[in-house]
Structure formats: C-alpha cells, structure tokens
C-alpha atoms as a PDB file:
ATOM      1  CA  MET A   1     -13.005  -2.927  -3.862  1.00  0.00           C
ATOM      2  CA  ARG A   2     -12.100  -6.795  -4.948  1.00  0.00           C
ATOM      3  CA  LEU A   3      -9.309  -7.212  -7.027  1.00  0.00           C
ATOM      4  CA  GLN A   4      -9.374 -10.566  -9.236  1.00  0.00           C
ATOM      5  CA  GLY A   5      -6.468 -12.909  -8.862  1.00  0.00           C
ATOM      6  CA  ASN A   6      -5.195 -11.371  -5.680  1.00  0.00           C
ATOM      7  CA  VAL A   7      -5.990 -13.858  -2.952  1.00  0.00           C
ATOM      8  CA  HIS A   8      -3.874 -16.733  -2.741  1.00  0.00           C
ATOM      9  CA  PRO A   9      -5.654 -19.965  -3.711  1.00  0.00           C
ATOM     10  CA  LEU A  10      -4.985 -21.605  -0.241  1.00  0.00           C
ATOM     11  CA  ALA A  11      -6.953 -18.319   1.625  1.00  0.00           C
ATOM     12  CA  GLN A  12     -10.146 -20.240   1.929  1.00  0.00           C
ATOM     13  CA  ALA A  13     -12.435 -21.036   4.713  1.00  0.00           C
ATOM     14  CA  ARG A  14     -11.873 -25.076   4.135  1.00  0.00           C
ATOM     15  CA  PHE A  15      -7.940 -24.655   4.861  1.00  0.00           C
ATOM     16  CA  ASP A  16      -8.341 -22.530   8.056  1.00  0.00           C
ATOM     17  CA  GLN A  17      -6.777 -24.524  10.751  1.00  0.00           C
ATOM     18  CA  GLY A  18      -7.698 -21.879  13.311  1.00  0.00           C
ATOM     19  CA  LYS A  19      -5.826 -19.711  15.828  1.00  0.00           C
ATOM     20  CA  ILE A  20      -1.935 -20.086  16.008  1.00  0.00           C
ATOM     21  CA  ASN A  21       0.416 -19.917  19.150  1.00  0.00           C
ATOM     22  CA  ASP A  22       1.496 -16.179  19.927  1.00  0.00           C
ATOM     23  CA  ALA A  23       4.907 -17.444  19.644  1.00  0.00           C
ATOM     24  CA  GLN A  24       4.676 -18.557  16.015  1.00  0.00           C
ATOM     25  CA  ALA A  25       6.960 -16.520  13.925  1.00  0.00           C
ATOM     26  CA  VAL A  26       5.774 -14.823  11.098  1.00  0.00           C
ATOM     27  CA  ASP A  27       7.964 -14.508   8.156  1.00  0.00           C
ATOM     28  CA  ARG A  28       6.143 -12.353   5.960  1.00  0.00           C
ATOM     29  CA  MET A  29       3.046  -9.842   6.121  1.00  0.00           C
ATOM     30  CA  LEU A  30       1.482  -7.433   3.561  1.00  0.00           C
ATOM     31  CA  LEU A  31       0.031  -4.466   4.601  1.00  0.00           C
ATOM     32  CA  LEU A  32      -1.857  -2.249   2.569  1.00  0.00           C
ATOM     33  CA  LEU A  33      -2.826   1.701   3.725  1.00  0.00           C
ATOM     34  CA  GLN A  34      -5.812   3.303   2.251  1.00  0.00           C
ATOM     35  CA  ARG A  35      -5.175   6.642   1.029  1.00  0.00           C
ATOM     36  CA  SER A  36      -6.283   9.876   2.802  1.00  0.00           C
ATOM     37  CA  PRO A  37      -9.778  11.198   1.144  1.00  0.00           C
ATOM     38  CA  GLU A  38      -7.893  13.943  -0.041  1.00  0.00           C
ATOM     39  CA  GLN A  39      -5.465  12.045  -1.668  1.00  0.00           C
ATOM     40  CA  GLU A  40      -7.871   9.886  -3.391  1.00  0.00           C
ATOM     41  CA  SER A  41      -9.944  12.879  -4.698  1.00  0.00           C
ATOM     42  CA  ALA A  42      -6.654  14.417  -5.919  1.00  0.00           C
ATOM     43  CA  LEU A  43      -5.728  11.095  -7.724  1.00  0.00           C
ATOM     44  CA  ARG A  44      -8.962  10.613  -9.385  1.00  0.00           C
ATOM     45  CA  GLN A  45      -8.747  14.345 -10.153  1.00  0.00           C
ATOM     46  CA  LEU A  46      -5.327  13.891 -12.096  1.00  0.00           C
ATOM     47  CA  LEU A  47      -6.759  10.616 -13.887  1.00  0.00           C
ATOM     48  CA  GLU A  48      -9.627  12.782 -15.178  1.00  0.00           C
ATOM     49  CA  ASP A  49      -7.080  15.783 -16.255  1.00  0.00           C
ATOM     50  CA  GLN A  50      -4.625  13.252 -17.707  1.00  0.00           C
ATOM     51  CA  LEU A  51      -7.486  12.020 -19.896  1.00  0.00           C
ATOM     52  CA  THR A  52      -9.189  15.319 -21.057  1.00  0.00           C
ATOM     53  CA  LEU A  53      -8.035  16.590 -24.004  1.00  0.00           C
ATOM     54  CA  ASN A  54      -8.032  20.380 -23.461  1.00  0.00           C
ATOM     55  CA  SER A  55      -6.429  19.914 -19.927  1.00  0.00           C
ATOM     56  CA  PRO A  56      -2.992  21.385 -19.225  1.00  0.00           C
ATOM     57  CA  LYS A  57      -2.399  17.839 -17.643  1.00  0.00           C
ATOM     58  CA  HIS A  58      -3.396  15.862 -20.806  1.00  0.00           C
ATOM     59  CA  HIS A  59      -1.037  12.971 -21.057  1.00  0.00           C
ATOM     60  CA  ALA A  60       1.387  14.458 -18.339  1.00  0.00           C
ATOM     61  CA  TRP A  61       2.266  11.019 -16.808  1.00  0.00           C
ATOM     62  CA  LEU A  62       3.839  11.027 -13.555  1.00  0.00           C
ATOM     63  CA  THR A  63       6.978   9.029 -12.905  1.00  0.00           C
ATOM     64  CA  PRO A  64       6.747   6.186 -10.118  1.00  0.00           C
ATOM     65  CA  GLN A  65       8.723   8.389  -7.550  1.00  0.00           C
ATOM     66  CA  GLN A  66       6.094  11.373  -8.181  1.00  0.00           C
ATOM     67  CA  PHE A  67       3.242   9.138  -8.036  1.00  0.00           C
ATOM     68  CA  GLY A  68       4.607   7.723  -4.526  1.00  0.00           C
ATOM     69  CA  ALA A  69       5.597  11.189  -3.300  1.00  0.00           C
ATOM     70  CA  GLN A  70       1.732  12.094  -4.246  1.00  0.00           C
ATOM     71  CA  PHE A  71      -0.325   9.299  -3.488  1.00  0.00           C
ATOM     72  CA  GLY A  72       1.949   6.853  -1.091  1.00  0.00           C
ATOM     73  CA  PRO A  73       1.961   6.768   2.382  1.00  0.00           C
ATOM     74  CA  SER A  74       3.951   9.779   4.081  1.00  0.00           C
ATOM     75  CA  ASP A  75       7.120   9.567   5.763  1.00  0.00           C
ATOM     76  CA  ALA A  76       4.989  10.075   9.008  1.00  0.00           C
ATOM     77  CA  ASP A  77       2.529   7.271   8.208  1.00  0.00           C
ATOM     78  CA  ILE A  78       5.647   5.110   7.390  1.00  0.00           C
ATOM     79  CA  GLN A  79       6.991   5.931  10.893  1.00  0.00           C
ATOM     80  CA  ALA A  80       3.766   5.358  12.744  1.00  0.00           C
ATOM     81  CA  VAL A  81       3.030   1.929  11.198  1.00  0.00           C
ATOM     82  CA  THR A  82       6.606   0.826  11.771  1.00  0.00           C
ATOM     83  CA  ASN A  83       6.426   1.778  15.503  1.00  0.00           C
ATOM     84  CA  TRP A  84       3.107   0.135  15.816  1.00  0.00           C
ATOM     85  CA  LEU A  85       4.453  -2.932  14.312  1.00  0.00           C
ATOM     86  CA  ASN A  86       7.449  -2.843  16.790  1.00  0.00           C
ATOM     87  CA  GLY A  87       5.062  -2.433  19.607  1.00  0.00           C
ATOM     88  CA  LYS A  88       3.217  -5.446  18.644  1.00  0.00           C
ATOM     89  CA  GLY A  89       6.596  -7.243  18.799  1.00  0.00           C
ATOM     90  CA  PHE A  90       7.565  -7.451  15.031  1.00  0.00           C
ATOM     91  CA  HIS A  91      10.986  -7.200  14.501  1.00  0.00           C
ATOM     92  CA  GLY A  92      13.346  -6.676  11.783  1.00  0.00           C
ATOM     93  CA  ILE A  93      11.091  -4.261   9.691  1.00  0.00           C
ATOM     94  CA  LYS A  94      12.627  -2.602   6.664  1.00  0.00           C
ATOM     95  CA  VAL A  95      11.209  -0.111   4.651  1.00  0.00           C
ATOM     96  CA  GLY A  96      12.186  -0.443   0.615  1.00  0.00           C
ATOM     97  CA  PRO A  97      11.103   0.805  -2.767  1.00  0.00           C
ATOM     98  CA  GLY A  98       7.839  -0.582  -4.085  1.00  0.00           C
ATOM     99  CA  PRO A  99       6.291  -0.409  -7.317  1.00  0.00           C
ATOM    100  CA  HIS A 100       4.527   2.642  -8.569  1.00  0.00           C
ATOM    101  CA  GLY A 101       6.966   4.653  -6.438  1.00  0.00           C
ATOM    102  CA  ASN A 102       5.458   3.483  -3.196  1.00  0.00           C
ATOM    103  CA  ARG A 103       7.347   1.925  -0.540  1.00  0.00           C
ATOM    104  CA  ILE A 104       6.957  -1.525   1.312  1.00  0.00           C
ATOM    105  CA  LEU A 105       7.573  -2.417   4.639  1.00  0.00           C
ATOM    106  CA  ARG A 106       9.583  -5.506   4.802  1.00  0.00           C
END
C-alpha cells in the first residue's frame, strides 16, 4: 500500500547517484516489518468490532502499549532483525519505543 507523503522528495530516480562504497557509513535506516497474516486478520477484525454497535469491543480502544503488544513485532522478531543487522556489519543498534506502542530499531 502506498502512503502519500511518506517518500522523501529526493528519493527520485533523477537523483540516483548509483552504488556507494561498501565502507560508506550509514547513519540512519528505517526498516518496516510486515505483520503476520494472523496479526493482520486479528487487527482487521478488531477494527471492525470497534465500529460495530452490538460488539462488546465497540469503542474499546487500545492503549499504544496494548496495540504494540498485540500487533507489533515480537521480542523474537526484534532479536532476529537485530542479529541479522549485526551480521551485516551494522553496529550501535538500539531498540526504543515508537509510535502506537511499536518498537523502533535505531
């Protein structure tokens, strides 16, 4: 799904300068993890239930922490990604709180 306004204006083919040297330091990276099909299905069901008048979950909103725990990456996923990044030569990786209760690798 393409989200409007989420691509940096310089991220265009006309600004592509080609490959960089492998030794080039990368100061920042954004890595998005896809929800499992089960998480995605559960989230869609929750959203539908929250908007259904007769549902016991009608307007039962989640806190950011609850949302992150239910629909964000698991501790095992965070560890697997951290290990993979370390194996590729990335260092100083930090996991911090992110929006909506999700965690961010920094």
